[in-house]
């Protein structure tokens, strides 16, 4: 949600990410929020796997992951319900 720009908690991380995307797209007239969403849709699988699956595999005794740990969360569910 921080990447997409719709995080419930407006903290310094959210602001930092917003500033980064604003710099990246400063010469674009298109909706920056939509570009953030598009970027997230393209990259969420890789980010999710790096964050959660990598963590779980390092802390698993046999190095194997149960597939349920690597399922992507449903972004269409409101953040406070996930």
PDB file of N, CA and C in Angstrom:
ATOM      1  N   UNK A   1       0.809  -1.193   0.000  1.00  0.00           N
ATOM      2  CA  UNK A   1       0.000   0.000   0.000  1.00  0.00           C
ATOM      3  C   UNK A   1       0.857   1.265   0.000  1.00  0.00           C
ATOM      4  N   UNK A   2       2.026   1.192   0.598  1.00  0.00           N
ATOM      5  CA  UNK A   2       2.928   2.347   0.583  1.00  0.00           C
ATOM      6  C   UNK A   2       3.327   2.661  -0.855  1.00  0.00           C
ATOM      7  N   UNK A   3       3.672   1.643  -1.623  1.00  0.00           N
ATOM      8  CA  UNK A   3       4.077   1.848  -3.015  1.00  0.00           C
ATOM      9  C   UNK A   3       2.924   2.401  -3.839  1.00  0.00           C
ATOM     10  N   UNK A   4       1.739   1.858  -3.642  1.00  0.00           N
ATOM     11  CA  UNK A   4       0.589   2.285  -4.439  1.00  0.00           C
ATOM     12  C   UNK A   4       0.112   3.681  -4.076  1.00  0.00           C
ATOM     13  N   UNK A   5       0.476   4.158  -2.898  1.00  0.00           N
ATOM     14  CA  UNK A   5       0.076   5.497  -2.488  1.00  0.00           C
ATOM     15  C   UNK A   5      -1.238   5.547  -1.747  1.00  0.00           C
ATOM     16  N   UNK A   6      -1.698   4.393  -1.262  1.00  0.00           N
ATOM     17  CA  UNK A   6      -2.962   4.390  -0.526  1.00  0.00           C
ATOM     18  C   UNK A   6      -2.823   3.729   0.848  1.00  0.00           C
ATOM     19  N   UNK A   7      -1.658   3.887   1.456  1.00  0.00           N
ATOM     20  CA  UNK A   7      -1.413   3.335   2.786  1.00  0.00           C
ATOM     21  C   UNK A   7      -2.263   4.067   3.816  1.00  0.00           C
ATOM     22  N   UNK A   8      -2.803   3.334   4.763  1.00  0.00           N
ATOM     23  CA  UNK A   8      -3.664   3.928   5.791  1.00  0.00           C
ATOM     24  C   UNK A   8      -2.883   4.821   6.746  1.00  0.00           C
ATOM     25  N   UNK A   9      -1.631   4.527   6.949  1.00  0.00           N
ATOM     26  CA  UNK A   9      -0.819   5.279   7.898  1.00  0.00           C
ATOM     27  C   UNK A   9       0.115   6.190   7.107  1.00  0.00           C
ATOM     28  N   UNK A  10      -0.071   7.477   7.231  1.00  0.00           N
ATOM     29  CA  UNK A  10       0.788   8.425   6.522  1.00  0.00           C
ATOM     30  C   UNK A  10       2.038   8.703   7.335  1.00  0.00           C
ATOM     31  N   UNK A  11       3.061   7.917   7.132  1.00  0.00           N
ATOM     32  CA  UNK A  11       4.296   8.100   7.890  1.00  0.00           C
ATOM     33  C   UNK A  11       5.416   8.563   6.960  1.00  0.00           C
ATOM     34  N   UNK A  12       6.611   8.646   7.473  1.00  0.00           N
ATOM     35  CA  UNK A  12       7.738   9.142   6.683  1.00  0.00           C
ATOM     36  C   UNK A  12       8.091   8.205   5.532  1.00  0.00           C
ATOM     37  N   UNK A  13       7.859   6.910   5.690  1.00  0.00           N
ATOM     38  CA  UNK A  13       8.127   5.981   4.584  1.00  0.00           C
ATOM     39  C   UNK A  13       7.205   6.267   3.414  1.00  0.00           C
ATOM     40  N   UNK A  14       5.936   6.485   3.705  1.00  0.00           N
ATOM     41  CA  UNK A  14       4.978   6.795   2.645  1.00  0.00           C
ATOM     42  C   UNK A  14       5.367   8.074   1.927  1.00  0.00           C
ATOM     43  N   UNK A  15       5.761   9.075   2.688  1.00  0.00           N
ATOM     44  CA  UNK A  15       6.165  10.351   2.095  1.00  0.00           C
ATOM     45  C   UNK A  15       7.435  10.183   1.270  1.00  0.00           C
ATOM     46  N   UNK A  16       8.371   9.399   1.755  1.00  0.00           N
ATOM     47  CA  UNK A  16       9.618   9.162   1.015  1.00  0.00           C
ATOM     48  C   UNK A  16       9.350   8.470  -0.314  1.00  0.00           C
ATOM     49  N   UNK A  17       8.488   7.472  -0.296  1.00  0.00           N
ATOM     50  CA  UNK A  17       8.155   6.760  -1.527  1.00  0.00           C
ATOM     51  C   UNK A  17       7.442   7.697  -2.494  1.00  0.00           C
ATOM     52  N   UNK A  18       6.547   8.523  -1.980  1.00  0.00           N
ATOM     53  CA  UNK A  18       5.855   9.501  -2.827  1.00  0.00           C
ATOM     54  C   UNK A  18       6.856  10.434  -3.497  1.00  0.00           C
ATOM     55  N   UNK A  19       7.807  10.924  -2.737  1.00  0.00           N
ATOM     56  CA  UNK A  19       8.820  11.828  -3.291  1.00  0.00           C
ATOM     57  C   UNK A  19       9.665  11.139  -4.361  1.00  0.00           C
ATOM     58  N   UNK A  20       9.986   9.881  -4.151  1.00  0.00           N
ATOM     59  CA  UNK A  20      10.765   9.131  -5.142  1.00  0.00           C
ATOM     60  C   UNK A  20       9.985   9.005  -6.446  1.00  0.00           C
ATOM     61  N   UNK A  21       8.725   8.600  -6.352  1.00  0.00           N
ATOM     62  CA  UNK A  21       7.914   8.468  -7.564  1.00  0.00           C
ATOM     63  C   UNK A  21       7.685   9.823  -8.225  1.00  0.00           C
ATOM     64  N   UNK A  22       7.512  10.875  -7.447  1.00  0.00           N
ATOM     65  CA  UNK A  22       7.351  12.217  -8.019  1.00  0.00           C
ATOM     66  C   UNK A  22       8.595  12.619  -8.807  1.00  0.00           C
ATOM     67  N   UNK A  23       9.779  12.288  -8.289  1.00  0.00           N
ATOM     68  CA  UNK A  23      11.024  12.604  -9.010  1.00  0.00           C
ATOM     69  C   UNK A  23      11.141  11.781 -10.289  1.00  0.00           C
ATOM     70  N   UNK A  24      10.802  10.512 -10.193  1.00  0.00           N
ATOM     71  CA  UNK A  24      10.898   9.634 -11.364  1.00  0.00           C
ATOM     72  C   UNK A  24       9.994  10.138 -12.485  1.00  0.00           C
ATOM     73  N   UNK A  25       8.794  10.552 -12.126  1.00  0.00           N
ATOM     74  CA  UNK A  25       7.797  10.944 -13.124  1.00  0.00           C
ATOM     75  C   UNK A  25       7.602  12.454 -13.210  1.00  0.00           C
ATOM     76  N   UNK A  26       8.603  13.239 -12.831  1.00  0.00           N
ATOM     77  CA  UNK A  26       8.440  14.694 -12.773  1.00  0.00           C
ATOM     78  C   UNK A  26       8.126  15.323 -14.128  1.00  0.00           C
ATOM     79  N   UNK A  27       8.589  14.735 -15.213  1.00  0.00           N
ATOM     80  CA  UNK A  27       8.342  15.292 -16.538  1.00  0.00           C
ATOM     81  C   UNK A  27       7.117  14.690 -17.222  1.00  0.00           C
ATOM     82  N   UNK A  28       6.411  13.860 -16.518  1.00  0.00           N
ATOM     83  CA  UNK A  28       5.233  13.202 -17.086  1.00  0.00           C
ATOM     84  C   UNK A  28       3.979  13.954 -16.669  1.00  0.00           C
ATOM     85  N   UNK A  29       3.033  14.021 -17.572  1.00  0.00           N
ATOM     86  CA  UNK A  29       1.779  14.706 -17.259  1.00  0.00           C
ATOM     87  C   UNK A  29       0.704  13.722 -16.809  1.00  0.00           C
ATOM     88  N   UNK A  30       1.000  12.441 -16.940  1.00  0.00           N
ATOM     89  CA  UNK A  30       0.026  11.426 -16.546  1.00  0.00           C
ATOM     90  C   UNK A  30      -0.092  11.351 -15.029  1.00  0.00           C
ATOM     91  N   UNK A  31      -1.093  10.668 -14.584  1.00  0.00           N
ATOM     92  CA  UNK A  31      -1.380  10.491 -13.169  1.00  0.00           C
ATOM     93  C   UNK A  31      -0.280   9.650 -12.506  1.00  0.00           C
ATOM     94  N   UNK A  32       0.466  10.266 -11.612  1.00  0.00           N
ATOM     95  CA  UNK A  32       1.562   9.573 -10.930  1.00  0.00           C
ATOM     96  C   UNK A  32       1.017   8.428 -10.083  1.00  0.00           C
ATOM     97  N   UNK A  33      -0.127   8.627  -9.466  1.00  0.00           N
ATOM     98  CA  UNK A  33      -0.705   7.555  -8.640  1.00  0.00           C
ATOM     99  C   UNK A  33      -1.005   6.316  -9.489  1.00  0.00           C
ATOM    100  N   UNK A  34      -1.507   6.528 -10.696  1.00  0.00           N
ATOM    101  CA  UNK A  34      -1.778   5.399 -11.590  1.00  0.00           C
ATOM    102  C   UNK A  34      -0.478   4.714 -11.991  1.00  0.00           C
ATOM    103  N   UNK A  35       0.565   5.483 -12.211  1.00  0.00           N
ATOM    104  CA  UNK A  35       1.863   4.897 -12.557  1.00  0.00           C
ATOM    105  C   UNK A  35       2.411   4.077 -11.390  1.00  0.00           C
ATOM    106  N   UNK A  36       2.188   4.535 -10.169  1.00  0.00           N
ATOM    107  CA  UNK A  36       2.610   3.769  -8.988  1.00  0.00           C
ATOM    108  C   UNK A  36       1.869   2.444  -8.938  1.00  0.00           C
ATOM    109  N   UNK A  37       0.567   2.477  -9.223  1.00  0.00           N
ATOM    110  CA  UNK A  37      -0.245   1.261  -9.231  1.00  0.00           C
ATOM    111  C   UNK A  37       0.264   0.298 -10.302  1.00  0.00           C
ATOM    112  N   UNK A  38       0.538   0.814 -11.474  1.00  0.00           N
ATOM    113  CA  UNK A  38       1.041  -0.014 -12.573  1.00  0.00           C
ATOM    114  C   UNK A  38       2.380  -0.640 -12.201  1.00  0.00           C
ATOM    115  N   UNK A  39       3.269   0.169 -11.617  1.00  0.00           N
ATOM    116  CA  UNK A  39       4.572  -0.342 -11.191  1.00  0.00           C
ATOM    117  C   UNK A  39       4.383  -1.465 -10.173  1.00  0.00           C
ATOM    118  N   UNK A  40       3.499  -1.255  -9.210  1.00  0.00           N
ATOM    119  CA  UNK A  40       3.246  -2.266  -8.184  1.00  0.00           C
ATOM    120  C   UNK A  40       2.707  -3.548  -8.804  1.00  0.00           C
ATOM    121  N   UNK A  41       1.743  -3.419  -9.722  1.00  0.00           N
ATOM    122  CA  UNK A  41       1.169  -4.597 -10.365  1.00  0.00           C
ATOM    123  C   UNK A  41       2.238  -5.416 -11.089  1.00  0.00           C
ATOM    124  N   UNK A  42       3.212  -4.759 -11.690  1.00  0.00           N
ATOM    125  CA  UNK A  42       4.277  -5.449 -12.412  1.00  0.00           C
ATOM    126  C   UNK A  42       5.285  -6.105 -11.474  1.00  0.00           C
ATOM    127  N   UNK A  43       5.495  -5.536 -10.303  1.00  0.00           N
ATOM    128  CA  UNK A  43       6.598  -5.966  -9.439  1.00  0.00           C
ATOM    129  C   UNK A  43       6.199  -6.612  -8.119  1.00  0.00           C
ATOM    130  N   UNK A  44       4.918  -6.638  -7.787  1.00  0.00           N
ATOM    131  CA  UNK A  44       4.522  -7.113  -6.454  1.00  0.00           C
ATOM    132  C   UNK A  44       4.924  -8.561  -6.182  1.00  0.00           C
ATOM    133  N   UNK A  45       4.864  -9.396  -7.193  1.00  0.00           N
ATOM    134  CA  UNK A  45       5.230 -10.800  -6.992  1.00  0.00           C
ATOM    135  C   UNK A  45       6.686 -10.911  -6.543  1.00  0.00           C
ATOM    136  N   UNK A  46       7.562 -10.174  -7.188  1.00  0.00           N
ATOM    137  CA  UNK A  46       8.985 -10.239  -6.856  1.00  0.00           C
ATOM    138  C   UNK A  46       9.261  -9.657  -5.468  1.00  0.00           C
ATOM    139  N   UNK A  47       8.612  -8.562  -5.159  1.00  0.00           N
ATOM    140  CA  UNK A  47       8.809  -7.925  -3.853  1.00  0.00           C
ATOM    141  C   UNK A  47       8.273  -8.818  -2.746  1.00  0.00           C
ATOM    142  N   UNK A  48       7.086  -9.345  -2.938  1.00  0.00           N
ATOM    143  CA  UNK A  48       6.473 -10.224  -1.936  1.00  0.00           C
ATOM    144  C   UNK A  48       7.357 -11.440  -1.682  1.00  0.00           C
ATOM    145  N   UNK A  49       7.831 -12.051  -2.745  1.00  0.00           N
ATOM    146  CA  UNK A  49       8.671 -13.242  -2.584  1.00  0.00           C
ATOM    147  C   UNK A  49       9.985 -12.906  -1.890  1.00  0.00           C
ATOM    148  N   UNK A  50      10.566 -11.770  -2.223  1.00  0.00           N
ATOM    149  CA  UNK A  50      11.821 -11.383  -1.572  1.00  0.00           C
ATOM    150  C   UNK A  50      11.611 -11.122  -0.089  1.00  0.00           C
ATOM    151  N   UNK A  51      10.516 -10.458   0.247  1.00  0.00           N
ATOM    152  CA  UNK A  51      10.269 -10.115   1.659  1.00  0.00           C
ATOM    153  C   UNK A  51       9.850 -11.329   2.477  1.00  0.00           C
ATOM    154  N   UNK A  52       8.801 -11.985   2.059  1.00  0.00           N
ATOM    155  CA  UNK A  52       8.232 -13.043   2.883  1.00  0.00           C
ATOM    156  C   UNK A  52       8.865 -14.397   2.615  1.00  0.00           C
ATOM    157  N   UNK A  53       8.933 -14.781   1.366  1.00  0.00           N
ATOM    158  CA  UNK A  53       9.430 -16.115   1.057  1.00  0.00           C
ATOM    159  C   UNK A  53      10.906 -16.253   1.383  1.00  0.00           C
ATOM    160  N   UNK A  54      11.675 -15.221   1.105  1.00  0.00           N
ATOM    161  CA  UNK A  54      13.093 -15.257   1.455  1.00  0.00           C
ATOM    162  C   UNK A  54      13.286 -15.369   2.948  1.00  0.00           C
ATOM    163  N   UNK A  55      12.500 -14.622   3.692  1.00  0.00           N
ATOM    164  CA  UNK A  55      12.573 -14.663   5.149  1.00  0.00           C
ATOM    165  C   UNK A  55      12.197 -16.046   5.660  1.00  0.00           C
ATOM    166  N   UNK A  56      11.104 -16.579   5.158  1.00  0.00           N
ATOM    167  CA  UNK A  56      10.642 -17.885   5.633  1.00  0.00           C
ATOM    168  C   UNK A  56      11.637 -18.984   5.292  1.00  0.00           C
ATOM    169  N   UNK A  57      12.243 -18.923   4.095  1.00  0.00           N
ATOM    170  CA  UNK A  57      13.168 -19.990   3.714  1.00  0.00           C
ATOM    171  C   UNK A  57      14.426 -19.962   4.579  1.00  0.00           C
ATOM    172  N   UNK A  58      14.853 -18.783   5.007  1.00  0.00           N
ATOM    173  CA  UNK A  58      16.028 -18.682   5.865  1.00  0.00           C
ATOM    174  C   UNK A  58      15.740 -19.183   7.276  1.00  0.00           C
ATOM    175  N   UNK A  59      14.484 -19.175   7.665  1.00  0.00           N
ATOM    176  CA  UNK A  59      14.122 -19.580   9.017  1.00  0.00           C
ATOM    177  C   UNK A  59      13.418 -20.929   9.059  1.00  0.00           C
ATOM    178  N   UNK A  60      13.488 -21.657   7.991  1.00  0.00           N
ATOM    179  CA  UNK A  60      12.867 -22.963   7.905  1.00  0.00           C
ATOM    180  C   UNK A  60      13.978 -24.005   8.039  1.00  0.00           C
ATOM    181  N   UNK A  61      13.759 -25.015   8.843  1.00  0.00           N
ATOM    182  CA  UNK A  61      14.804 -26.001   9.117  1.00  0.00           C
ATOM    183  C   UNK A  61      15.343 -26.700   7.878  1.00  0.00           C
ATOM    184  N   UNK A  62      14.477 -27.063   6.955  1.00  0.00           N
ATOM    185  CA  UNK A  62      14.953 -27.808   5.792  1.00  0.00           C
ATOM    186  C   UNK A  62      15.115 -26.935   4.552  1.00  0.00           C
ATOM    187  N   UNK A  63      14.901 -25.633   4.664  1.00  0.00           N
ATOM    188  CA  UNK A  63      15.091 -24.728   3.535  1.00  0.00           C
ATOM    189  C   UNK A  63      13.977 -24.755   2.514  1.00  0.00           C
ATOM    190  N   UNK A  64      12.960 -25.581   2.751  1.00  0.00           N
ATOM    191  CA  UNK A  64      11.834 -25.671   1.826  1.00  0.00           C
ATOM    192  C   UNK A  64      10.651 -24.875   2.370  1.00  0.00           C
ATOM    193  N   UNK A  65       9.929 -24.257   1.460  1.00  0.00           N
ATOM    194  CA  UNK A  65       8.764 -23.473   1.858  1.00  0.00           C
ATOM    195  C   UNK A  65       7.480 -24.182   1.506  1.00  0.00           C
ATOM    196  N   UNK A  66       6.513 -24.024   2.359  1.00  0.00           N
ATOM    197  CA  UNK A  66       5.164 -24.441   2.035  1.00  0.00           C
ATOM    198  C   UNK A  66       4.627 -23.392   1.059  1.00  0.00           C
ATOM    199  N   UNK A  67       4.019 -23.812  -0.035  1.00  0.00           N
ATOM    200  CA  UNK A  67       3.528 -22.896  -1.052  1.00  0.00           C
ATOM    201  C   UNK A  67       2.577 -21.838  -0.537  1.00  0.00           C
ATOM    202  N   UNK A  68       1.876 -22.097   0.559  1.00  0.00           N
ATOM    203  CA  UNK A  68       0.915 -21.120   1.079  1.00  0.00           C
ATOM    204  C   UNK A  68       1.601 -19.837   1.549  1.00  0.00           C
ATOM    205  N   UNK A  69       2.885 -19.911   1.876  1.00  0.00           N
ATOM    206  CA  UNK A  69       3.596 -18.722   2.341  1.00  0.00           C
ATOM    207  C   UNK A  69       3.903 -17.766   1.202  1.00  0.00           C
ATOM    208  N   UNK A  70       3.868 -18.265  -0.015  1.00  0.00           N
ATOM    209  CA  UNK A  70       4.260 -17.431  -1.153  1.00  0.00           C
ATOM    210  C   UNK A  70       3.078 -16.933  -1.969  1.00  0.00           C
ATOM    211  N   UNK A  71       1.874 -17.131  -1.492  1.00  0.00           N
ATOM    212  CA  UNK A  71       0.708 -16.614  -2.202  1.00  0.00           C
ATOM    213  C   UNK A  71       0.659 -15.101  -2.060  1.00  0.00           C
ATOM    214  N   UNK A  72       0.340 -14.428  -3.157  1.00  0.00           N
ATOM    215  CA  UNK A  72       0.235 -12.972  -3.125  1.00  0.00           C
ATOM    216  C   UNK A  72      -1.044 -12.559  -2.416  1.00  0.00           C
ATOM    217  N   UNK A  73      -0.976 -11.517  -1.603  1.00  0.00           N
ATOM    218  CA  UNK A  73      -2.192 -11.031  -0.954  1.00  0.00           C
ATOM    219  C   UNK A  73      -3.109 -10.395  -1.992  1.00  0.00           C
ATOM    220  N   UNK A  74      -4.381 -10.391  -1.711  1.00  0.00           N
ATOM    221  CA  UNK A  74      -5.377  -9.811  -2.610  1.00  0.00           C
ATOM    222  C   UNK A  74      -5.456  -8.310  -2.372  1.00  0.00           C
ATOM    223  N   UNK A  75      -4.938  -7.532  -3.318  1.00  0.00           N
ATOM    224  CA  UNK A  75      -4.920  -6.075  -3.182  1.00  0.00           C
ATOM    225  C   UNK A  75      -6.308  -5.454  -3.221  1.00  0.00           C
ATOM    226  N   UNK A  76      -7.297  -6.205  -3.710  1.00  0.00           N
ATOM    227  CA  UNK A  76      -8.635  -5.622  -3.803  1.00  0.00           C
ATOM    228  C   UNK A  76      -9.334  -5.582  -2.440  1.00  0.00           C
ATOM    229  N   UNK A  77      -8.819  -6.321  -1.468  1.00  0.00           N
ATOM    230  CA  UNK A  77      -9.370  -6.288  -0.107  1.00  0.00           C
ATOM    231  C   UNK A  77      -8.811  -5.051   0.589  1.00  0.00           C
ATOM    232  N   UNK A  78      -9.662  -4.245   1.219  1.00  0.00           N
ATOM    233  CA  UNK A  78      -9.166  -3.043   1.896  1.00  0.00           C
ATOM    234  C   UNK A  78      -8.048  -3.382   2.890  1.00  0.00           C
ATOM    235  N   UNK A  79      -7.104  -2.476   2.995  1.00  0.00           N
ATOM    236  CA  UNK A  79      -5.907  -2.699   3.809  1.00  0.00           C
ATOM    237  C   UNK A  79      -6.242  -3.088   5.245  1.00  0.00           C
ATOM    238  N   UNK A  80      -7.212  -2.446   5.851  1.00  0.00           N
ATOM    239  CA  UNK A  80      -7.507  -2.732   7.259  1.00  0.00           C
ATOM    240  C   UNK A  80      -8.108  -4.115   7.468  1.00  0.00           C
ATOM    241  N   UNK A  81      -8.526  -4.793   6.403  1.00  0.00           N
ATOM    242  CA  UNK A  81      -9.079  -6.140   6.526  1.00  0.00           C
ATOM    243  C   UNK A  81      -8.053  -7.233   6.217  1.00  0.00           C
ATOM    244  N   UNK A  82      -6.874  -6.841   5.751  1.00  0.00           N
ATOM    245  CA  UNK A  82      -5.858  -7.851   5.421  1.00  0.00           C
ATOM    246  C   UNK A  82      -5.012  -8.176   6.611  1.00  0.00           C
TER     247      UNK A  82
END
